[in-house]
Amino acid sequence: MPTDSALTLKRYVVKDIRFSLSTKFDFLKPQSVRIEPQIDREFIPLSADDVIVVLKLAIHDKDTLLPFSLDVAVEGSFGMKEWQTNESSRMIIENNATAILFPYLRSLVTGITAGANIPPYILPVMNIVAYFEKKESNKR
């Protein structure tokens, strides 16, 4: 049953992958690791009806030794009529386009770590819209 949507995902691509295995981490020693990924997004206007949305993730050592460092970015090309001038449409782009790209990002992170022959890191399921709302309210 087809449904019409005001928002369309035209394509997505993996824009960046950088993975580095830690030489200091002891993979043979049983240990609990707390990974706190940093997730960001960027909106690149193409026209009144088209926008690129980039969802980025970074995992790096801060206060604890991590088994790896990782930077990934996925980019989606989205279409939506008058997204820049219509507040409702802009919010749909910000929220829905981000939510559409998030599963691609999760899958990519799992695939990269599993392919590195280490215990795979599975990015937790989360409300990515609420994540960015909280992140942006903390900036104020």
Foldseek 3Di string as FASTA:
>chain_A
DDDDDLKDWPDKDWDDKDKFFDPPDDQVDDDDDDWDKDKDKDWADDDQFKIKIKIKIWTDDDPDDDRMTIIIIMIIIMTHHRLPPDVVSVVCCVQVVVVVCVVVVQVVQQVVQVVVVGNGDGDDDDRVNVVVVVVVVVVD
